[in-house]
Amino acid sequence: MQPIDQKILSRIYGRGRGWAFTKIDFVAEFGEVNIHQALSSLAKTGTIRRVCHGVYDYPRYSELLGQTLSPDVDQVAQALARKFNWRILPSGDTALNQLGLSTQVPGKWVYLSDGPSREYAIGENGEQTLAFRRSALKDTGFKYRESGLLVQALKALGKEHVDQVVIETLRQQLAASLRERILKDTRAVTGWIYQIIKQVCRESD
């Protein structure tokens, strides 16, 4: 293995299994030709996996199942966002899934983005679809990712479906240190959504 291949592999190992990446994640340190050669070589040996055009991951492996797991679609979305310098935000069922409000795996993972609307087939057989939907910046312009995730999940759920169980589930997903920041970050959102966020972030409410 070439020294540059080894350095790139060390970076990948350092991020852990499930991490998705593109050549952009290495250009600050290595030449583009070297990166391309290293990624091609590592993919051929099966150390990393190509999950869609230009995106690879360090596959997760289940000891229980004795097999490699499907790509982490959120990691793939983050890798594409870094590559194209987009701001993105999980939407609809994707947001519900990430916050533990739905155990159903979305057939299509949808993210709002300040980039163009695009779709990607993820996995060897393209079994999962990752979609980016161009959106007004007010929807993606939160300072904290958790703020946007919370707002999108509540929008998808609808006011009438929010009960104490939902509030408690959301509270458990948010670090206590973030709660006051999220309250400030989401002040401009729709009234009913902000009222629920206040309940999530302030246990005394």
N, C-alpha and C. Protein backbone atom coordinates (compact mmCIF):
# COMPACT_ATOMS: atom_id res chain seq x y z
N MET A 1 0.85 -1.20 0.00
CA MET A 1 0.00 0.00 0.00
C MET A 1 0.89 1.26 0.00
N GLN A 2 0.54 2.22 -0.83
CA GLN A 2 1.31 3.46 -0.91
C GLN A 2 1.15 4.26 0.39
N PRO A 3 2.18 5.08 0.74
CA PRO A 3 2.11 5.88 1.97
C PRO A 3 0.87 6.78 2.03
N ILE A 4 0.50 7.38 0.87
CA ILE A 4 -0.68 8.27 0.86
C ILE A 4 -1.96 7.46 1.10
N ASP A 5 -2.03 6.26 0.50
CA ASP A 5 -3.17 5.38 0.75
C ASP A 5 -3.30 5.11 2.25
N GLN A 6 -2.15 4.86 2.88
CA GLN A 6 -2.14 4.53 4.31
C GLN A 6 -2.62 5.72 5.14
N LYS A 7 -2.19 6.92 4.76
CA LYS A 7 -2.60 8.13 5.50
C LYS A 7 -4.10 8.36 5.36
N ILE A 8 -4.61 8.18 4.14
CA ILE A 8 -6.05 8.36 3.90
C ILE A 8 -6.84 7.30 4.67
N LEU A 9 -6.32 6.08 4.66
CA LEU A 9 -6.99 5.00 5.39
C LEU A 9 -7.02 5.29 6.89
N SER A 10 -5.94 5.85 7.41
CA SER A 10 -5.90 6.21 8.84
C SER A 10 -6.96 7.25 9.17
N ARG A 11 -7.13 8.22 8.26
CA ARG A 11 -8.17 9.24 8.46
C ARG A 11 -9.56 8.59 8.49
N ILE A 12 -9.78 7.64 7.57
CA ILE A 12 -11.08 6.95 7.49
C ILE A 12 -11.32 6.13 8.76
N TYR A 13 -10.30 5.36 9.18
CA TYR A 13 -10.43 4.56 10.41
C TYR A 13 -10.72 5.46 11.61
N GLY A 14 -10.09 6.62 11.61
CA GLY A 14 -10.26 7.56 12.72
C GLY A 14 -11.69 8.05 12.89
N ARG A 15 -12.43 8.11 11.79
CA ARG A 15 -13.83 8.56 11.85
C ARG A 15 -14.79 7.43 12.22
N GLY A 16 -14.33 6.22 12.10
CA GLY A 16 -15.15 5.07 12.52
C GLY A 16 -16.07 4.54 11.45
N ARG A 17 -16.59 3.34 11.72
CA ARG A 17 -17.48 2.68 10.75
C ARG A 17 -18.77 3.48 10.58
N GLY A 18 -19.25 3.49 9.34
CA GLY A 18 -20.47 4.23 9.03
C GLY A 18 -20.19 5.59 8.41
N TRP A 19 -18.94 6.10 8.59
CA TRP A 19 -18.63 7.42 8.04
C TRP A 19 -18.67 7.40 6.52
N ALA A 20 -19.32 8.40 5.94
CA ALA A 20 -19.37 8.54 4.48
C ALA A 20 -18.56 9.77 4.10
N PHE A 21 -17.95 9.73 2.92
CA PHE A 21 -17.02 10.80 2.56
C PHE A 21 -16.86 10.89 1.04
N THR A 22 -16.29 12.00 0.61
CA THR A 22 -15.95 12.21 -0.80
C THR A 22 -14.49 12.69 -0.85
N LYS A 23 -13.97 12.89 -2.03
CA LYS A 23 -12.57 13.33 -2.14
C LYS A 23 -12.36 14.70 -1.47
N ILE A 24 -13.44 15.50 -1.39
CA ILE A 24 -13.35 16.83 -0.78
C ILE A 24 -12.85 16.75 0.67
N ASP A 25 -13.18 15.64 1.34
CA ASP A 25 -12.77 15.50 2.74
C ASP A 25 -11.25 15.31 2.91
N PHE A 26 -10.54 15.16 1.79
CA PHE A 26 -9.09 14.93 1.88
C PHE A 26 -8.25 15.96 1.11
N VAL A 27 -8.91 16.86 0.34
CA VAL A 27 -8.15 17.74 -0.56
C VAL A 27 -7.25 18.74 0.16
N ALA A 28 -7.56 19.04 1.41
CA ALA A 28 -6.71 19.99 2.15
C ALA A 28 -5.32 19.41 2.40
N GLU A 29 -5.22 18.09 2.41
CA GLU A 29 -3.94 17.44 2.75
C GLU A 29 -3.26 16.72 1.59
N PHE A 30 -4.05 16.30 0.60
CA PHE A 30 -3.48 15.45 -0.46
C PHE A 30 -3.87 15.96 -1.84
N GLY A 31 -3.09 15.59 -2.85
CA GLY A 31 -3.41 15.95 -4.23
C GLY A 31 -4.60 15.15 -4.74
N GLU A 32 -5.36 15.76 -5.66
CA GLU A 32 -6.59 15.13 -6.14
C GLU A 32 -6.35 13.79 -6.84
N VAL A 33 -5.29 13.71 -7.63
CA VAL A 33 -4.98 12.46 -8.35
C VAL A 33 -4.68 11.35 -7.34
N ASN A 34 -3.88 11.70 -6.31
CA ASN A 34 -3.52 10.72 -5.28
C ASN A 34 -4.76 10.23 -4.52
N ILE A 35 -5.66 11.16 -4.24
CA ILE A 35 -6.89 10.80 -3.51
C ILE A 35 -7.71 9.83 -4.35
N HIS A 36 -7.89 10.18 -5.62
CA HIS A 36 -8.69 9.34 -6.52
C HIS A 36 -8.11 7.92 -6.59
N GLN A 37 -6.79 7.84 -6.75
CA GLN A 37 -6.13 6.53 -6.84
C GLN A 37 -6.30 5.74 -5.53
N ALA A 38 -6.13 6.44 -4.40
CA ALA A 38 -6.24 5.78 -3.09
C ALA A 38 -7.66 5.25 -2.86
N LEU A 39 -8.66 6.07 -3.17
CA LEU A 39 -10.05 5.64 -2.94
C LEU A 39 -10.42 4.48 -3.87
N SER A 40 -9.95 4.54 -5.12
CA SER A 40 -10.23 3.45 -6.06
C SER A 40 -9.61 2.15 -5.56
N SER A 41 -8.38 2.25 -5.09
CA SER A 41 -7.65 1.08 -4.61
C SER A 41 -8.32 0.49 -3.36
N LEU A 42 -8.73 1.36 -2.42
CA LEU A 42 -9.37 0.89 -1.17
C LEU A 42 -10.75 0.29 -1.46
N ALA A 43 -11.42 0.81 -2.48
CA ALA A 43 -12.74 0.27 -2.85
C ALA A 43 -12.58 -1.11 -3.48
N LYS A 44 -11.53 -1.29 -4.28
CA LYS A 44 -11.30 -2.58 -4.92
C LYS A 44 -11.02 -3.69 -3.90
N THR A 45 -10.34 -3.33 -2.82
CA THR A 45 -10.02 -4.33 -1.79
C THR A 45 -11.21 -4.57 -0.85
N GLY A 46 -12.26 -3.73 -0.98
CA GLY A 46 -13.44 -3.91 -0.12
C GLY A 46 -13.32 -3.23 1.24
N THR A 47 -12.24 -2.48 1.45
CA THR A 47 -12.06 -1.78 2.73
C THR A 47 -13.09 -0.66 2.86
N ILE A 48 -13.30 0.05 1.75
CA ILE A 48 -14.37 1.05 1.70
C ILE A 48 -15.34 0.65 0.60
N ARG A 49 -16.48 1.32 0.55
CA ARG A 49 -17.53 0.94 -0.40
C ARG A 49 -18.03 2.19 -1.12
N ARG A 50 -18.24 2.08 -2.40
CA ARG A 50 -18.83 3.19 -3.17
C ARG A 50 -20.35 3.10 -3.01
N VAL A 51 -20.95 4.15 -2.45
CA VAL A 51 -22.40 4.08 -2.19
C VAL A 51 -23.24 4.84 -3.22
N CYS A 52 -22.63 5.82 -3.88
CA CYS A 52 -23.24 6.46 -5.05
C CYS A 52 -22.13 7.25 -5.72
N HIS A 53 -22.42 7.90 -6.81
CA HIS A 53 -21.38 8.55 -7.60
C HIS A 53 -20.56 9.52 -6.74
N GLY A 54 -19.26 9.23 -6.60
CA GLY A 54 -18.37 10.13 -5.88
C GLY A 54 -18.41 10.03 -4.36
N VAL A 55 -19.27 9.17 -3.83
CA VAL A 55 -19.39 9.04 -2.37
C VAL A 55 -19.06 7.60 -1.94
N TYR A 56 -18.25 7.50 -0.89
CA TYR A 56 -17.85 6.20 -0.34
C TYR A 56 -18.21 6.16 1.14
N ASP A 57 -18.23 4.95 1.70
CA ASP A 57 -18.33 4.86 3.16
C ASP A 57 -17.41 3.75 3.67
N TYR A 58 -17.17 3.82 5.00
CA TYR A 58 -16.43 2.76 5.69
C TYR A 58 -17.54 1.91 6.31
N PRO A 59 -17.88 0.78 5.68
CA PRO A 59 -19.13 0.07 6.02
C PRO A 59 -19.22 -0.39 7.48
N ARG A 60 -20.43 -0.24 7.99
CA ARG A 60 -20.73 -0.81 9.31
C ARG A 60 -20.91 -2.32 9.14
N TYR A 61 -20.55 -3.05 10.20
CA TYR A 61 -20.66 -4.50 10.14
C TYR A 61 -21.40 -5.00 11.38
N SER A 62 -22.37 -5.88 11.17
CA SER A 62 -23.11 -6.45 12.29
C SER A 62 -22.57 -7.83 12.64
N GLU A 63 -22.01 -7.95 13.85
CA GLU A 63 -21.53 -9.26 14.33
C GLU A 63 -22.71 -10.21 14.48
N LEU A 64 -23.84 -9.65 14.93
CA LEU A 64 -25.05 -10.45 15.16
C LEU A 64 -25.54 -11.09 13.87
N LEU A 65 -25.60 -10.27 12.81
CA LEU A 65 -26.10 -10.77 11.52
C LEU A 65 -24.99 -11.40 10.68
N GLY A 66 -23.74 -11.09 11.06
CA GLY A 66 -22.62 -11.62 10.29
C GLY A 66 -22.55 -11.04 8.90
N GLN A 67 -22.94 -9.76 8.77
CA GLN A 67 -22.91 -9.15 7.43
C GLN A 67 -22.72 -7.63 7.51
N THR A 68 -22.33 -7.09 6.38
CA THR A 68 -22.18 -5.64 6.25
C THR A 68 -23.56 -5.00 6.19
N LEU A 69 -23.72 -3.86 6.87
CA LEU A 69 -25.01 -3.17 6.91
C LEU A 69 -25.14 -2.16 5.77
N SER A 70 -26.36 -1.76 5.51
CA SER A 70 -26.62 -0.74 4.47
C SER A 70 -25.94 0.57 4.86
N PRO A 71 -25.68 1.43 3.88
CA PRO A 71 -25.07 2.73 4.20
C PRO A 71 -25.96 3.55 5.14
N ASP A 72 -25.32 4.38 5.97
CA ASP A 72 -26.03 5.33 6.82
C ASP A 72 -26.38 6.52 5.93
N VAL A 73 -27.67 6.63 5.59
CA VAL A 73 -28.08 7.64 4.60
C VAL A 73 -27.81 9.06 5.10
N ASP A 74 -27.94 9.28 6.40
CA ASP A 74 -27.66 10.62 6.93
C ASP A 74 -26.19 10.97 6.73
N GLN A 75 -25.30 9.99 6.92
CA GLN A 75 -23.88 10.23 6.68
C GLN A 75 -23.62 10.57 5.21
N VAL A 76 -24.32 9.88 4.32
CA VAL A 76 -24.17 10.15 2.88
C VAL A 76 -24.66 11.57 2.56
N ALA A 77 -25.78 11.95 3.16
CA ALA A 77 -26.32 13.31 2.95
C ALA A 77 -25.33 14.36 3.44
N GLN A 78 -24.73 14.11 4.60
CA GLN A 78 -23.75 15.06 5.15
C GLN A 78 -22.51 15.16 4.25
N ALA A 79 -22.08 14.01 3.70
CA ALA A 79 -20.92 14.00 2.81
C ALA A 79 -21.18 14.83 1.55
N LEU A 80 -22.38 14.68 0.99
CA LEU A 80 -22.74 15.45 -0.21
C LEU A 80 -22.86 16.94 0.12
N ALA A 81 -23.38 17.24 1.30
CA ALA A 81 -23.50 18.65 1.71
C ALA A 81 -22.12 19.29 1.84
N ARG A 82 -21.16 18.54 2.40
CA ARG A 82 -19.79 19.07 2.49
C ARG A 82 -19.19 19.24 1.10
N LYS A 83 -19.43 18.27 0.23
CA LYS A 83 -18.86 18.32 -1.12
C LYS A 83 -19.33 19.55 -1.89
N PHE A 84 -20.63 19.85 -1.80
CA PHE A 84 -21.19 20.94 -2.59
C PHE A 84 -21.39 22.23 -1.79
N ASN A 85 -20.96 22.19 -0.51
CA ASN A 85 -21.12 23.35 0.36
C ASN A 85 -22.59 23.77 0.51
N TRP A 86 -23.46 22.79 0.69
CA TRP A 86 -24.88 23.05 0.93
C TRP A 86 -25.13 23.06 2.43
N ARG A 87 -26.19 23.77 2.81
CA ARG A 87 -26.75 23.59 4.16
C ARG A 87 -27.96 22.68 3.97
N ILE A 88 -28.08 21.66 4.79
CA ILE A 88 -29.18 20.72 4.64
C ILE A 88 -29.89 20.48 5.97
N LEU A 89 -31.11 19.98 5.86
CA LEU A 89 -31.93 19.74 7.03
C LEU A 89 -32.88 18.58 6.75
N PRO A 90 -32.87 17.53 7.60
CA PRO A 90 -33.80 16.42 7.39
C PRO A 90 -35.24 16.91 7.42
N SER A 91 -36.08 16.35 6.58
CA SER A 91 -37.48 16.79 6.49
C SER A 91 -38.43 15.61 6.62
N GLY A 92 -39.66 15.88 7.03
CA GLY A 92 -40.71 14.86 7.04
C GLY A 92 -40.34 13.60 7.81
N ASP A 93 -40.58 12.45 7.16
CA ASP A 93 -40.33 11.15 7.80
C ASP A 93 -38.86 10.97 8.19
N THR A 94 -37.96 11.62 7.44
CA THR A 94 -36.53 11.52 7.76
C THR A 94 -36.25 12.14 9.12
N ALA A 95 -36.85 13.31 9.37
CA ALA A 95 -36.67 13.99 10.67
C ALA A 95 -37.29 13.16 11.79
N LEU A 96 -38.47 12.60 11.55
CA LEU A 96 -39.16 11.78 12.57
C LEU A 96 -38.31 10.56 12.92
N ASN A 97 -37.73 9.93 11.89
CA ASN A 97 -36.89 8.75 12.10
C ASN A 97 -35.65 9.10 12.93
N GLN A 98 -35.02 10.22 12.62
CA GLN A 98 -33.78 10.59 13.31
C GLN A 98 -34.01 11.00 14.76
N LEU A 99 -35.21 11.46 15.07
CA LEU A 99 -35.50 11.87 16.45
C LEU A 99 -36.20 10.77 17.25
N GLY A 100 -36.29 9.58 16.66
CA GLY A 100 -36.86 8.46 17.40
C GLY A 100 -38.37 8.48 17.50
N LEU A 101 -39.03 9.32 16.67
CA LEU A 101 -40.49 9.40 16.70
C LEU A 101 -41.12 8.43 15.72
N SER A 102 -40.29 7.81 14.89
CA SER A 102 -40.78 6.80 13.96
C SER A 102 -39.68 5.75 13.80
N THR A 103 -40.06 4.50 13.87
CA THR A 103 -39.07 3.43 13.68
C THR A 103 -39.09 2.93 12.24
N GLN A 104 -40.04 3.46 11.48
CA GLN A 104 -40.16 3.05 10.08
C GLN A 104 -39.02 3.68 9.27
N VAL A 105 -38.34 2.88 8.50
CA VAL A 105 -37.27 3.41 7.64
C VAL A 105 -37.93 4.05 6.42
N PRO A 106 -37.67 5.34 6.18
CA PRO A 106 -38.31 6.01 5.04
C PRO A 106 -37.92 5.35 3.72
N GLY A 107 -38.87 5.26 2.79
CA GLY A 107 -38.56 4.74 1.46
C GLY A 107 -37.71 5.75 0.71
N LYS A 108 -37.94 7.02 1.03
CA LYS A 108 -37.15 8.10 0.43
C LYS A 108 -36.72 9.02 1.56
N TRP A 109 -35.42 9.23 1.67
CA TRP A 109 -34.88 10.12 2.69
C TRP A 109 -34.84 11.52 2.11
N VAL A 110 -35.61 12.44 2.70
CA VAL A 110 -35.74 13.79 2.12
C VAL A 110 -35.08 14.84 3.02
N TYR A 111 -34.27 15.67 2.37
CA TYR A 111 -33.60 16.77 3.07
C TYR A 111 -33.92 18.08 2.37
N LEU A 112 -34.18 19.12 3.15
CA LEU A 112 -34.26 20.47 2.59
C LEU A 112 -32.83 20.94 2.38
N SER A 113 -32.63 21.77 1.36
CA SER A 113 -31.28 22.20 1.03
C SER A 113 -31.31 23.59 0.41
N ASP A 114 -30.21 24.34 0.62
CA ASP A 114 -30.13 25.63 -0.09
C ASP A 114 -29.41 25.44 -1.44
N GLY A 115 -29.17 24.17 -1.81
CA GLY A 115 -28.62 23.85 -3.13
C GLY A 115 -29.75 23.44 -4.06
N PRO A 116 -29.41 22.91 -5.23
CA PRO A 116 -30.45 22.51 -6.19
C PRO A 116 -31.18 21.24 -5.75
N SER A 117 -32.37 21.04 -6.27
CA SER A 117 -33.11 19.79 -5.98
C SER A 117 -32.45 18.65 -6.77
N ARG A 118 -32.09 17.58 -6.04
CA ARG A 118 -31.43 16.44 -6.69
C ARG A 118 -31.83 15.16 -5.97
N GLU A 119 -31.72 14.04 -6.70
CA GLU A 119 -31.97 12.73 -6.09
C GLU A 119 -30.80 11.79 -6.38
N TYR A 120 -30.51 10.94 -5.41
CA TYR A 120 -29.42 9.97 -5.54
C TYR A 120 -29.93 8.58 -5.15
N ALA A 121 -29.53 7.57 -5.92
CA ALA A 121 -29.83 6.18 -5.56
C ALA A 121 -28.66 5.70 -4.71
N ILE A 122 -28.95 5.22 -3.50
CA ILE A 122 -27.91 4.84 -2.55
C ILE A 122 -27.84 3.32 -2.42
N GLY A 123 -26.61 2.80 -2.34
CA GLY A 123 -26.42 1.36 -2.18
C GLY A 123 -26.11 0.68 -3.50
N GLU A 124 -25.63 -0.55 -3.40
CA GLU A 124 -25.21 -1.29 -4.59
C GLU A 124 -26.32 -1.43 -5.62
N ASN A 125 -27.53 -1.67 -5.14
CA ASN A 125 -28.66 -1.84 -6.06
C ASN A 125 -29.57 -0.62 -6.10
N GLY A 126 -29.09 0.48 -5.52
CA GLY A 126 -29.89 1.70 -5.49
C GLY A 126 -31.19 1.52 -4.73
N GLU A 127 -31.12 0.70 -3.65
CA GLU A 127 -32.35 0.35 -2.92
C GLU A 127 -32.92 1.48 -2.08
N GLN A 128 -32.11 2.51 -1.80
CA GLN A 128 -32.62 3.65 -1.03
C GLN A 128 -32.47 4.92 -1.85
N THR A 129 -33.40 5.83 -1.67
CA THR A 129 -33.35 7.10 -2.42
C THR A 129 -33.10 8.25 -1.45
N LEU A 130 -32.12 9.06 -1.80
CA LEU A 130 -31.81 10.26 -1.02
C LEU A 130 -32.18 11.46 -1.89
N ALA A 131 -33.09 12.29 -1.38
CA ALA A 131 -33.58 13.43 -2.16
C ALA A 131 -33.28 14.74 -1.45
N PHE A 132 -32.79 15.70 -2.21
CA PHE A 132 -32.61 17.06 -1.70
C PHE A 132 -33.64 17.95 -2.36
N ARG A 133 -34.34 18.73 -1.56
CA ARG A 133 -35.37 19.63 -2.08
C ARG A 133 -34.95 21.07 -1.81
N ARG A 134 -34.83 21.85 -2.86
CA ARG A 134 -34.44 23.25 -2.68
C ARG A 134 -35.49 23.95 -1.82
N SER A 135 -35.02 24.71 -0.84
CA SER A 135 -35.95 25.33 0.10
C SER A 135 -35.48 26.74 0.43
N ALA A 136 -36.43 27.57 0.86
CA ALA A 136 -36.08 28.92 1.31
C ALA A 136 -35.11 28.83 2.48
N LEU A 137 -34.18 29.74 2.56
CA LEU A 137 -33.16 29.68 3.60
C LEU A 137 -33.73 29.76 5.01
N LYS A 138 -34.92 30.32 5.15
CA LYS A 138 -35.50 30.42 6.50
C LYS A 138 -35.72 29.02 7.08
N ASP A 139 -35.89 28.03 6.21
CA ASP A 139 -36.10 26.66 6.70
C ASP A 139 -34.80 25.95 7.05
N THR A 140 -33.70 26.42 6.46
CA THR A 140 -32.43 25.73 6.70
C THR A 140 -31.45 26.61 7.47
N GLY A 141 -31.88 27.80 7.81
CA GLY A 141 -30.95 28.78 8.38
C GLY A 141 -30.80 28.79 9.88
N PHE A 142 -31.09 27.69 10.56
CA PHE A 142 -30.89 27.66 12.01
C PHE A 142 -29.41 27.53 12.35
N LYS A 143 -29.07 28.07 13.49
CA LYS A 143 -27.67 28.00 13.94
C LYS A 143 -27.30 26.57 14.32
N TYR A 144 -28.24 25.86 14.92
CA TYR A 144 -27.99 24.49 15.38
C TYR A 144 -28.79 23.50 14.56
N ARG A 145 -28.14 22.42 14.17
CA ARG A 145 -28.81 21.39 13.37
C ARG A 145 -30.02 20.83 14.11
N GLU A 146 -29.87 20.67 15.44
CA GLU A 146 -30.96 20.11 16.23
C GLU A 146 -32.23 20.97 16.18
N SER A 147 -32.04 22.29 16.05
CA SER A 147 -33.21 23.19 15.98
C SER A 147 -34.04 22.87 14.74
N GLY A 148 -33.36 22.79 13.60
CA GLY A 148 -34.05 22.50 12.35
C GLY A 148 -34.70 21.14 12.36
N LEU A 149 -33.99 20.18 12.94
CA LEU A 149 -34.51 18.81 13.01
C LEU A 149 -35.80 18.77 13.82
N LEU A 150 -35.80 19.48 14.93
CA LEU A 150 -36.97 19.56 15.81
C LEU A 150 -38.16 20.19 15.09
N VAL A 151 -37.90 21.30 14.42
CA VAL A 151 -38.97 22.03 13.71
C VAL A 151 -39.56 21.16 12.60
N GLN A 152 -38.70 20.53 11.82
CA GLN A 152 -39.19 19.70 10.71
C GLN A 152 -39.98 18.49 11.21
N ALA A 153 -39.51 17.89 12.31
CA ALA A 153 -40.21 16.72 12.86
C ALA A 153 -41.61 17.13 13.34
N LEU A 154 -41.71 18.27 14.02
CA LEU A 154 -43.02 18.72 14.52
C LEU A 154 -43.95 19.09 13.37
N LYS A 155 -43.41 19.71 12.34
CA LYS A 155 -44.23 20.02 11.15
C LYS A 155 -44.78 18.74 10.54
N ALA A 156 -43.92 17.73 10.43
CA ALA A 156 -44.33 16.46 9.82
C ALA A 156 -45.37 15.75 10.67
N LEU A 157 -45.23 15.87 11.99
CA LEU A 157 -46.13 15.18 12.91
C LEU A 157 -47.50 15.84 12.95
N GLY A 158 -47.49 17.18 12.99
CA GLY A 158 -48.76 17.92 13.09
C GLY A 158 -49.14 18.14 14.55
N LYS A 159 -49.70 19.30 14.83
CA LYS A 159 -50.02 19.72 16.20
C LYS A 159 -50.87 18.69 16.94
N GLU A 160 -51.84 18.12 16.24
CA GLU A 160 -52.81 17.21 16.89
C GLU A 160 -52.18 15.88 17.32
N HIS A 161 -51.00 15.57 16.81
CA HIS A 161 -50.37 14.29 17.15
C HIS A 161 -49.27 14.43 18.20
N VAL A 162 -49.11 15.63 18.74
CA VAL A 162 -48.08 15.84 19.76
C VAL A 162 -48.69 15.64 21.14
N ASP A 163 -48.19 14.65 21.86
CA ASP A 163 -48.66 14.41 23.23
C ASP A 163 -47.44 14.36 24.16
N GLN A 164 -47.68 14.01 25.40
CA GLN A 164 -46.61 14.00 26.40
C GLN A 164 -45.50 12.99 26.05
N VAL A 165 -45.90 11.87 25.44
CA VAL A 165 -44.92 10.86 25.04
C VAL A 165 -43.96 11.43 24.00
N VAL A 166 -44.51 12.16 23.03
CA VAL A 166 -43.70 12.80 21.99
C VAL A 166 -42.75 13.82 22.62
N ILE A 167 -43.29 14.64 23.51
CA ILE A 167 -42.48 15.68 24.17
C ILE A 167 -41.33 15.04 24.95
N GLU A 168 -41.63 13.96 25.66
CA GLU A 168 -40.60 13.27 26.46
C GLU A 168 -39.54 12.63 25.56
N THR A 169 -39.99 12.05 24.44
CA THR A 169 -39.05 11.43 23.49
C THR A 169 -38.09 12.48 22.93
N LEU A 170 -38.64 13.63 22.56
CA LEU A 170 -37.81 14.70 22.02
C LEU A 170 -36.84 15.23 23.07
N ARG A 171 -37.33 15.37 24.29
CA ARG A 171 -36.48 15.88 25.37
C ARG A 171 -35.26 14.97 25.58
N GLN A 172 -35.50 13.66 25.50
CA GLN A 172 -34.41 12.70 25.71
C GLN A 172 -33.37 12.75 24.59
N GLN A 173 -33.80 13.22 23.42
CA GLN A 173 -32.88 13.28 22.27
C GLN A 173 -31.99 14.52 22.30
N LEU A 174 -32.36 15.51 23.13
CA LEU A 174 -31.61 16.78 23.13
C LEU A 174 -30.75 16.91 24.38
N ALA A 175 -29.49 17.20 24.18
CA ALA A 175 -28.59 17.41 25.33
C ALA A 175 -29.10 18.61 26.12
N ALA A 176 -29.08 18.49 27.44
CA ALA A 176 -29.56 19.57 28.31
C ALA A 176 -28.83 20.89 28.01
N SER A 177 -27.56 20.79 27.66
CA SER A 177 -26.75 21.99 27.40
C SER A 177 -27.22 22.76 26.15
N LEU A 178 -27.98 22.07 25.29
CA LEU A 178 -28.43 22.71 24.04
C LEU A 178 -29.79 23.38 24.18
N ARG A 179 -30.53 23.04 25.21
CA ARG A 179 -31.95 23.44 25.24
C ARG A 179 -32.18 24.95 25.20
N GLU A 180 -31.44 25.70 26.01
CA GLU A 180 -31.62 27.16 26.01
C GLU A 180 -31.22 27.76 24.66
N ARG A 181 -30.19 27.19 24.06
CA ARG A 181 -29.74 27.69 22.75
C ARG A 181 -30.80 27.43 21.67
N ILE A 182 -31.43 26.26 21.75
CA ILE A 182 -32.48 25.93 20.78
C ILE A 182 -33.68 26.86 20.95
N LEU A 183 -34.02 27.19 22.18
CA LEU A 183 -35.12 28.13 22.43
C LEU A 183 -34.85 29.47 21.74
N LYS A 184 -33.63 29.96 21.85
CA LYS A 184 -33.28 31.24 21.21
C LYS A 184 -33.25 31.08 19.70
N ASP A 185 -32.76 29.95 19.24
CA ASP A 185 -32.58 29.70 17.81
C ASP A 185 -33.90 29.59 17.05
N THR A 186 -34.96 29.17 17.76
CA THR A 186 -36.23 28.87 17.08
C THR A 186 -37.32 29.91 17.36
N ARG A 187 -36.95 31.05 17.92
CA ARG A 187 -37.97 32.04 18.32
C ARG A 187 -38.89 32.48 17.19
N ALA A 188 -38.38 32.47 15.96
CA ALA A 188 -39.18 33.00 14.84
C ALA A 188 -40.10 31.97 14.19
N VAL A 189 -40.13 30.73 14.69
CA VAL A 189 -40.95 29.70 14.03
C VAL A 189 -42.43 29.87 14.38
N THR A 190 -43.28 29.14 13.64
CA THR A 190 -44.73 29.16 13.84
C THR A 190 -45.08 29.00 15.32
N GLY A 191 -46.09 29.74 15.75
CA GLY A 191 -46.49 29.78 17.16
C GLY A 191 -46.63 28.44 17.86
N TRP A 192 -47.43 27.54 17.29
CA TRP A 192 -47.70 26.28 17.99
C TRP A 192 -46.43 25.41 18.10
N ILE A 193 -45.57 25.51 17.07
CA ILE A 193 -44.33 24.74 17.11
C ILE A 193 -43.43 25.27 18.22
N TYR A 194 -43.37 26.59 18.36
CA TYR A 194 -42.51 27.17 19.40
C TYR A 194 -43.03 26.82 20.80
N GLN A 195 -44.34 26.78 20.95
CA GLN A 195 -44.92 26.41 22.26
C GLN A 195 -44.48 24.99 22.65
N ILE A 196 -44.48 24.09 21.68
CA ILE A 196 -44.07 22.70 21.97
C ILE A 196 -42.56 22.65 22.25
N ILE A 197 -41.78 23.40 21.49
CA ILE A 197 -40.34 23.43 21.73
C ILE A 197 -40.07 23.93 23.15
N LYS A 198 -40.85 24.91 23.60
CA LYS A 198 -40.69 25.40 24.98
C LYS A 198 -40.95 24.28 26.00
N GLN A 199 -41.96 23.49 25.71
CA GLN A 199 -42.27 22.35 26.62
C GLN A 199 -41.14 21.32 26.60
N VAL A 200 -40.58 21.09 25.42
CA VAL A 200 -39.49 20.12 25.29
C VAL A 200 -38.25 20.62 26.05
N CYS A 201 -37.97 21.90 25.91
CA CYS A 201 -36.73 22.45 26.47
C CYS A 201 -36.83 22.89 27.93
N ARG A 202 -38.05 23.06 28.40
CA ARG A 202 -38.22 23.48 29.80
C ARG A 202 -39.10 22.48 30.53
N GLU A 203 -38.48 21.67 31.33
CA GLU A 203 -39.19 20.58 31.97
C GLU A 203 -40.29 21.05 32.91
N SER A 204 -40.16 22.29 33.38
CA SER A 204 -41.16 22.80 34.34
C SER A 204 -42.45 23.23 33.67
N ASP A 205 -42.40 23.46 32.34
CA ASP A 205 -43.62 23.92 31.62
C ASP A 205 -44.69 22.85 31.59
